[in-house]
Every structure is written in structure tokens, then in C-alpha cells.
Protein backbone atom coordinates (compact mmCIF):
# COMPACT_ATOMS: atom_id res chain seq x y z
CA MET A 1 -22.44 5.76 50.32
CA ARG A 2 -25.68 8.17 51.31
CA SER A 3 -28.67 7.71 49.77
CA ASN A 4 -28.80 10.76 46.96
CA ILE A 5 -31.66 13.09 46.73
CA PRO A 6 -31.17 15.91 44.25
CA TRP A 7 -29.13 19.12 45.65
CA LEU A 8 -30.86 21.99 46.07
CA ARG A 9 -28.48 23.98 44.10
CA THR A 10 -27.03 22.36 40.83
CA ILE A 11 -25.46 23.63 37.27
CA GLU A 12 -27.45 24.29 33.69
CA GLN A 13 -27.01 20.64 31.99
CA PHE A 14 -25.31 20.55 28.85
CA GLU A 15 -25.88 17.47 26.36
CA ASP A 16 -22.38 18.36 24.90
CA GLU A 17 -20.36 17.70 28.49
CA ALA A 18 -18.17 15.74 29.23
CA ILE A 19 -19.56 13.59 32.70
CA ALA A 20 -16.12 14.05 34.65
CA SER A 21 -16.81 17.78 33.40
CA THR A 22 -20.02 17.83 34.56
CA ALA A 23 -19.64 15.79 38.08
CA VAL A 24 -16.41 18.61 38.74
CA ARG A 25 -18.72 21.33 38.17
CA LEU A 26 -21.82 20.05 40.26
CA ALA A 27 -19.19 19.36 42.87
CA PRO A 28 -19.14 23.14 44.79
CA MET A 29 -23.08 23.14 44.61
CA GLY A 30 -22.78 20.66 47.73
CA ARG A 31 -20.16 22.80 49.52
CA ILE A 32 -17.89 19.84 48.89
CA ASP A 33 -14.95 19.12 46.44
CA THR A 34 -14.99 16.63 43.74
CA ASP A 35 -13.18 13.71 45.92
CA THR A 36 -15.85 13.75 48.80
CA LEU A 37 -18.36 13.77 45.87
CA LEU A 38 -16.95 10.39 44.90
CA SER A 39 -16.46 9.15 47.76
CA LEU A 40 -19.39 9.97 49.62
CA HIS A 41 -22.43 10.11 47.03
CA LEU A 42 -21.08 7.94 44.22
CA GLY A 43 -19.16 5.13 46.31
CA MET A 44 -15.65 5.64 44.26
CA THR A 45 -12.93 6.18 47.04
CA ASP A 46 -9.58 6.66 45.29
CA GLN A 47 -10.95 6.74 41.76
CA SER A 48 -10.49 9.27 39.27
CA VAL A 49 -13.72 11.37 38.29
CA SER A 50 -13.29 10.39 34.81
CA THR A 51 -14.23 6.97 35.81
CA ILE A 52 -17.45 7.74 36.24
CA ALA A 53 -18.25 7.63 32.60
CA SER A 54 -17.70 3.40 32.82
CA ARG A 55 -19.97 3.13 35.35
CA ALA A 56 -24.23 2.91 34.92
CA ASP A 57 -24.64 3.22 38.77
CA ALA A 58 -22.57 6.14 39.42
CA ILE A 59 -24.08 8.38 35.85
CA ALA A 60 -27.48 7.67 37.41
CA GLU A 61 -26.44 8.75 40.86
CA LEU A 62 -24.58 11.77 39.50
CA ALA A 63 -28.17 12.57 37.47
CA ALA A 64 -29.84 12.25 40.97
CA LEU A 65 -28.00 14.64 42.73
CA GLY A 66 -27.80 16.94 40.10
CA SER A 67 -31.49 16.57 38.57
CA PHE A 68 -29.86 15.99 35.36
CA ASP A 69 -31.62 14.23 32.41
CA HIS A 70 -30.56 10.93 32.71
CA ALA A 71 -30.65 9.73 29.29
CA LYS A 72 -28.25 13.03 28.39
CA LEU A 73 -26.10 12.31 31.09
CA SER A 74 -25.26 8.72 29.78
CA LYS A 75 -24.56 10.05 26.16
CA GLY A 76 -20.93 10.28 27.46
CA ALA A 77 -20.53 7.29 28.67
CA TRP A 78 -17.76 4.72 27.52
CA ARG A 79 -16.80 1.67 28.16
CA MET A 80 -13.42 -0.02 27.68
CA PHE A 81 -12.24 -3.70 26.31
CA LYS A 82 -9.46 -5.31 25.03
CA ASP A 83 -9.54 -4.21 21.78
CA ARG A 84 -12.06 -1.37 21.28
CA ILE A 85 -13.78 1.53 22.51
CA GLU A 86 -17.08 2.61 22.84
CA PHE A 87 -18.14 6.40 23.17
CA LEU A 88 -20.59 8.49 21.68
CA GLY A 89 -21.98 5.62 19.67
CA CYS A 90 -18.63 4.78 18.23
CA VAL A 91 -16.42 2.05 17.73
CA LEU A 92 -13.03 3.07 18.54
CA PRO A 93 -9.06 1.94 18.56
CA VAL A 94 -7.63 1.39 21.66
CA GLY A 95 -5.93 5.06 22.60
CA TRP A 96 -8.76 6.60 20.99
CA LEU A 97 -9.87 7.40 24.29
CA VAL A 98 -7.58 8.12 27.22
CA PRO A 99 -10.12 8.92 30.27
CA GLU A 100 -7.68 10.20 32.50
CA ARG A 101 -6.77 13.02 29.91
CA ARG A 102 -8.44 16.28 29.68
CA ARG A 103 -8.26 18.26 26.38
CA LEU A 104 -10.11 21.59 26.24
CA ALA A 105 -10.06 24.88 23.75
CA PRO A 106 -9.29 27.88 26.33
CA GLY A 107 -10.86 30.78 23.91
CA GLN A 108 -14.02 28.85 24.31
CA MET A 109 -14.00 28.22 27.96
CA ALA A 110 -13.31 32.11 28.61
CA SER A 111 -16.16 32.84 26.19
CA ALA A 112 -18.29 30.22 28.15
CA GLY A 113 -18.40 32.33 31.31
CA GLU A 114 -19.88 29.92 34.75
CA ASN A 115 -20.90 27.49 31.62
CA ALA A 116 -17.46 26.85 30.77
CA ARG A 117 -17.22 22.98 30.39
CA VAL A 118 -15.17 20.12 28.49
CA LYS A 119 -17.07 18.79 25.90
CA ASN A 120 -17.41 15.17 24.68
CA THR A 121 -15.80 15.54 21.49
CA TRP A 122 -12.78 17.29 22.77
CA LEU A 123 -12.17 13.66 24.69
CA LEU A 124 -11.43 12.08 20.90
CA SER A 125 -7.50 12.14 20.40
CA GLY A 126 -8.31 12.35 16.58
CA LEU A 127 -10.14 15.54 17.10
CA ILE A 128 -6.91 17.85 17.21
CA CYS A 129 -9.45 21.37 16.79
CA ASP A 130 -13.08 21.75 18.16
CA VAL A 131 -15.13 20.60 15.27
CA GLU A 132 -17.38 23.47 15.51
CA THR A 133 -14.77 26.82 16.02
CA GLY A 134 -11.74 24.95 14.61
CA GLU A 135 -10.30 25.92 17.43
CA THR A 136 -6.77 24.39 18.46
CA LEU A 137 -7.41 21.93 21.59
CA LEU A 138 -5.19 21.71 24.74
CA ASP A 139 -3.57 18.63 26.16
CA ARG A 140 -0.62 20.25 27.89
CA CYS A 141 -0.66 22.64 30.29
CA PRO A 142 2.13 25.81 28.78
CA ALA A 143 3.05 26.69 31.77
CA CYS A 144 4.63 23.34 33.33
CA LEU A 145 3.94 21.48 30.39
CA ASN A 146 2.45 18.43 31.64
CA LEU A 147 -0.52 16.50 30.22
CA LEU A 148 -4.20 17.78 31.43
CA ALA A 149 -5.33 15.45 33.93
CA TRP A 150 -8.59 15.00 36.34
CA ARG A 151 -7.35 14.23 39.51
CA ASN A 152 -6.96 17.08 42.10
CA LEU A 153 -8.56 18.85 39.91
CA PRO A 154 -10.79 21.75 42.06
CA ASN A 155 -12.37 23.02 38.34
CA ILE A 156 -12.23 21.47 34.70
CA TRP A 157 -10.12 24.88 33.47
CA SER A 158 -7.22 24.93 35.75
CA CYS A 159 -3.93 22.76 35.63
CA GLN A 160 -4.01 20.05 38.59
CA VAL A 161 0.05 20.42 38.88
CA CYS A 162 0.59 24.41 38.77
CA LYS A 163 -3.13 25.84 38.89
CA LEU A 164 -2.43 27.60 35.71
CA ASP A 165 -5.99 29.13 34.91
CA LEU A 166 -5.93 27.86 31.15
CA ARG A 167 -9.01 29.93 29.89
CA SER A 168 -6.14 32.64 30.19
CA VAL A 169 -4.07 31.37 27.24
CA THR A 170 -4.44 32.47 24.23
CA PRO A 171 -6.50 30.32 21.72
CA ARG A 172 -4.87 29.27 18.52
CA GLN A 173 -6.73 28.71 15.34
CA SER A 174 -5.93 25.49 13.17
CA PRO A 175 -5.09 25.84 9.55
CA PRO A 176 -8.03 25.97 7.33
CA GLU A 177 -7.14 22.23 6.09
CA ALA A 178 -6.96 20.91 8.95
CA VAL A 179 -10.24 22.15 10.66
CA ALA A 180 -11.52 20.81 6.94
CA ALA A 181 -10.22 17.11 7.67
CA VAL A 182 -11.44 17.33 10.80
CA ARG A 183 -14.86 18.21 10.19
CA GLU A 184 -14.99 15.01 7.55
CA LEU A 185 -13.49 12.92 10.04
CA ALA A 186 -16.33 13.91 12.62
CA ARG A 187 -19.08 13.23 9.61
CA TYR A 188 -18.10 9.86 9.76
CA LEU A 189 -17.71 9.28 13.64
CA LEU A 190 -20.46 11.18 14.45
CA LYS A 191 -23.13 11.25 12.03
CA ARG A 192 -22.22 8.21 9.86
CA ASP A 193 -23.33 9.78 6.86
CA ILE A 194 -20.05 9.62 5.06
CA ARG A 195 -19.29 6.24 2.56
CA LEU A 196 -15.63 5.58 1.54
CA PRO A 197 -15.21 3.79 -1.63
CA ALA A 198 -14.79 0.12 -1.80
CA PRO A 199 -13.78 -2.11 -0.13
CA LEU A 200 -12.70 0.36 2.81
CA GLY A 201 -16.30 0.59 3.15
CA ASP A 202 -16.33 -2.90 4.29
CA LEU A 203 -13.94 -2.25 6.95
CA PRO A 204 -14.97 -2.10 11.18
CA SER A 205 -14.82 1.90 11.85
CA PRO A 206 -11.38 0.64 14.40
CA ASP A 207 -9.90 -0.54 10.95
CA VAL A 208 -10.75 2.97 9.07
CA LEU A 209 -9.18 4.80 11.48
CA LYS A 210 -6.00 3.09 11.77
CA PHE A 211 -5.91 2.82 8.40
CA SER A 212 -6.22 6.50 8.14
CA ALA A 213 -3.42 6.55 10.40
CA TRP A 214 -1.47 4.68 8.12
CA LEU A 215 -1.88 6.12 5.23
CA SER A 216 -0.98 9.79 6.20
CA TYR A 217 2.06 8.34 7.85
CA PHE A 218 3.01 6.48 4.45
CA ARG A 219 2.39 10.05 2.78
CA TRP A 220 5.42 10.86 4.05
CA LEU A 221 7.59 8.35 3.65
CA PRO A 222 10.71 8.96 3.37
CA GLU A 223 10.71 12.28 3.79
CA ASP A 224 9.64 12.29 7.45
CA LEU A 225 10.59 9.44 8.82
CA GLY A 226 9.30 10.35 12.35
CA LEU A 227 6.16 10.63 11.49
CA ALA A 228 3.58 8.47 13.94
CA ILE A 229 1.27 6.61 12.90
CA SER A 230 -1.54 8.04 15.73
CA PRO A 231 -4.44 9.10 15.94
CA LYS A 232 -3.60 12.75 15.36
CA ASN A 233 -2.20 12.24 11.74
CA VAL A 234 -6.05 10.54 11.43
CA PRO A 235 -7.81 13.61 10.21
CA ALA A 236 -5.38 14.02 7.04
CA GLY A 237 -5.13 10.45 6.27
CA PHE A 238 -9.09 10.33 6.21
CA LEU A 239 -9.16 12.90 3.34
CA LEU A 240 -6.64 10.86 1.41
CA LEU A 241 -8.64 7.16 2.11
CA LYS A 242 -11.94 8.78 0.73
CA ARG A 243 -10.49 9.66 -2.58
CA TRP A 244 -9.21 5.62 -2.59
CA PRO A 245 -7.54 4.44 -4.70
CA THR A 246 -6.45 7.38 -6.52
CA CYS A 247 -4.91 8.59 -3.53
CA PHE A 248 -3.06 5.73 -2.65
CA ASP A 249 -1.86 5.15 -6.19
CA GLU A 250 0.10 8.56 -6.39
CA ILE A 251 1.90 7.88 -3.16
CA VAL A 252 3.54 4.77 -4.81
CA LEU A 253 4.14 6.41 -7.91
CA LYS A 254 5.90 9.39 -5.74
CA ARG A 255 7.90 6.48 -4.18
CA MET A 256 8.54 4.81 -7.33
CA LYS A 257 9.86 7.86 -9.41
CA ALA A 258 7.05 6.56 -11.57
CA SER A 259 5.07 8.90 -13.91
CA THR A 260 2.15 6.59 -14.63
CA ALA A 261 0.91 3.17 -13.60
CA GLU A 262 2.16 1.75 -16.47
CA ASP A 263 5.53 2.62 -15.82
CA LEU A 264 5.68 0.54 -12.80
CA ALA A 265 4.32 -2.71 -14.79
CA LYS A 266 6.75 -2.68 -17.34
CA GLY A 267 10.19 -4.69 -16.87
CA ASP A 268 10.90 -8.30 -15.95
CA VAL A 269 8.94 -10.03 -13.06
CA ILE A 270 11.85 -10.02 -10.81
CA SER A 271 12.49 -6.37 -11.01
CA ARG A 272 8.91 -5.33 -10.13
CA ILE A 273 9.06 -7.51 -7.23
CA LYS A 274 12.19 -6.10 -6.03
CA ALA A 275 10.87 -2.56 -6.42
CA ALA A 276 7.53 -3.71 -4.94
CA GLY A 277 9.67 -5.30 -2.01
CA THR A 278 11.00 -1.44 -0.76
CA LEU A 279 7.22 -1.34 0.27
CA SER A 280 7.00 -4.47 2.36
CA SER A 281 8.40 -3.06 6.10
CA SER A 282 5.22 -0.28 5.46
CA VAL A 283 2.62 -2.51 4.44
CA ALA A 284 3.28 -4.68 7.73
CA ARG A 285 2.67 -2.08 9.97
CA LEU A 286 -1.21 -1.72 8.70
CA PRO A 287 -3.70 -2.40 11.28
CA SER A 288 -5.00 -5.69 10.31
CA ALA A 289 -5.34 -8.33 7.94
CA ALA A 290 -7.86 -7.40 6.90
CA ALA A 291 -6.18 -4.15 5.61
CA GLN A 292 -2.91 -5.69 4.29
CA ALA A 293 -5.09 -7.43 2.34
CA ILE A 294 -6.56 -4.22 0.59
CA VAL A 295 -3.03 -2.58 0.11
CA LYS A 296 -1.18 -5.79 -1.79
CA SER A 297 -4.64 -6.52 -3.97
CA ARG A 298 -3.90 -3.00 -4.89
CA LEU A 299 -0.07 -3.01 -5.27
CA GLU A 300 -0.53 -6.31 -7.20
CA THR A 301 -2.58 -4.32 -9.77
CA LEU A 302 -0.16 -1.36 -9.99
CA PHE A 303 2.80 -3.61 -10.64
CA GLY A 304 1.63 -5.98 -13.06
CA PHE A 305 0.83 -9.42 -11.12
CA LEU A 306 -2.45 -10.12 -12.36
CA ASP A 307 -1.29 -12.15 -14.54
CA GLY A 308 -0.57 -14.76 -12.26
CA SER A 309 3.02 -13.76 -11.30
CA SER A 310 2.69 -12.58 -7.68
CA GLU A 311 3.93 -15.50 -5.67
CA GLY A 312 6.83 -13.77 -5.82
CA PHE A 313 5.32 -10.60 -4.61
CA GLN A 314 3.40 -12.25 -1.85
CA ASP A 315 6.45 -13.55 -0.30
CA VAL A 316 8.38 -10.76 -0.49
CA MET A 317 5.40 -8.40 1.09
CA VAL A 318 5.81 -10.62 4.44
CA PRO A 319 9.17 -9.55 5.87
CA ILE A 320 10.73 -11.94 8.19
CA SER A 321 13.85 -10.54 10.46
CA GLU A 322 16.94 -12.30 9.83
CA LEU A 323 18.70 -13.77 13.25
CA VAL A 324 22.19 -12.72 13.22
CA ASN A 325 24.83 -13.95 15.99
CA SER A 326 21.92 -14.70 18.16
CA ARG A 327 22.49 -16.38 21.07
CA PHE A 328 20.00 -18.05 23.62
């Protein structure tokens, strides 16, 4: 690896730009491609440009080459652990940042001209549109349908497979309600000026985000059985979560075809336990024991089990698979 000294030519640095995007834009200033930048100057042979953001030494070398402010460049660094990801000062669930994937806003990149870049916030799977403009983010090439990635990339605006200039794609605007939800979620993640109702505010942020995805999934059962518990459903679920427990009560009442919470608490204990048991498989999909405890506690209240008759309720809320005709 060469000892890096500042290049004679560089690019403008943007504080909101992803580190991989900065590297791809910088490479032509040294009359080399991105792979050569990685191997010759950063000591990263056969690695993706997205990996730079996980290595402090590589970030420092890139800052030296481009004469960048090292502290500003380092804001786009990420660290991945077995159970979480740390990125942009946030602690995220696994899957919320997939380093190999690009996501971009064609309209913004087209209007930015020579300063077209991929923003850090575009890499967050749960933010389905640009926070400021509301433009829907692309994660697949509309021509060849391949997921957008960082390898074999001559520039940041091309599909790595069919080479389509993605700046030519007609931009789409997300619905106003989706944009509002994404902005609220971004406030929680990046500015941390949203306090969730008790006891949700005591959950770690990865559990809050997964809880939001679950609540969006739970909201549409059984009408949409195919809705996944995924980061893309978190913005809608987060808006519901802000209205806890009212939002949850409304969903349960609809599922149970009840008019009021008092209706759920009527009848004998066995009937109420059976009714609550119909929700057990959904509750089992919650992300953590703490989240499950919050939901079960609310169900106890709704179904009137606060009088000490909840032992049977606790049993039905722990689904057990039956082994039928199993051979080992």
C-alpha cells in the first residue's frame, strides 16, 4: 500500500454523504478506478468500497487522499455486531443497514449535477424516502431489476449490472402520509427529540424499531396475511407506536369485533382466555421478551384479567407446536 499524501485534485466534501459514495467520486481525481483506490491506497484488495466505512484506518487514509475533514467523514462510519448495528449515532437492529446495498433518489442526483452523491440516510432501510424532499428511494434498477450494489461501480449513479444511468429514471414522490411517518421516524433516530409513551420509552432503540414493524404487521391482520415484519413497514408502525396504548386497543377491538374494551372483559374466564388465545401466534412474533411482556400486560387489562384470573391467559399466550406423526 502506498503512503498517502493529498492528491492535487479532489472533490467537494459533503457532511451528509456516505463514505462509499465519497470514495467512488474521488477515484477519478487520481485517474484510477475504485478497485485500484482500494488496493493501492487503502490496502483493501478484493473488498467492496462499502467496507471502508467499517475500518477506521481506511477512513483516515481516504481523508488524507481527498484532503477531507476526517471528523466529518467519520460520521458515516458503521460498526456491525452480532445483535446490532451502530450507524449515524444510532443503535439499529440487524438488517437495518446492508452495507453492500445502494439506495438513491434519482431526481436529487440529477439535480445535483457533478455533486451527485448517495446520502448516509438513504442507506437506512427503514427510511423509504428522502427525509427532506419525500422522493421515493430506489434500491433496484428499474431496467434489469437487480438490487443496486457497490461493486464494479464506475460511478455512483449507474446500475452495476446493465449500466443504466439512474439519474434518467423519472423520480417518484412518496404519499404525504408516508413522508410524514418517515420524518417522525428520522426525528426519533437522528435527533432523539421524541419521547415514546411509557413503558415503550424504556425499550432499547432496536426493540422499538422492531416493535414498530410488528405493530404495522399486526394492524393489517387478517386482511393482509402477506405483510412482512420488515424495516420498510417501520414508519407506519412508529406512528402507531406513538399513540400507545390507544392504537393497540383499537386494533384488538377491531380484531375481536368488539365496540369497547368493556365488551372484551365480559363473559366467563374460559371464553375470554380462548378469545385472547387467538392473538397468541401474533404476539409470539414480537422481537424481545420485554416487548412481549408489554403487549401481554395490555391484553391482560383489555380482557379483564387483572383480578388474579390470568394464569390460564399466560398459558395460551405461549404457543406450543404439536408434534404429529414425527419420526426421528
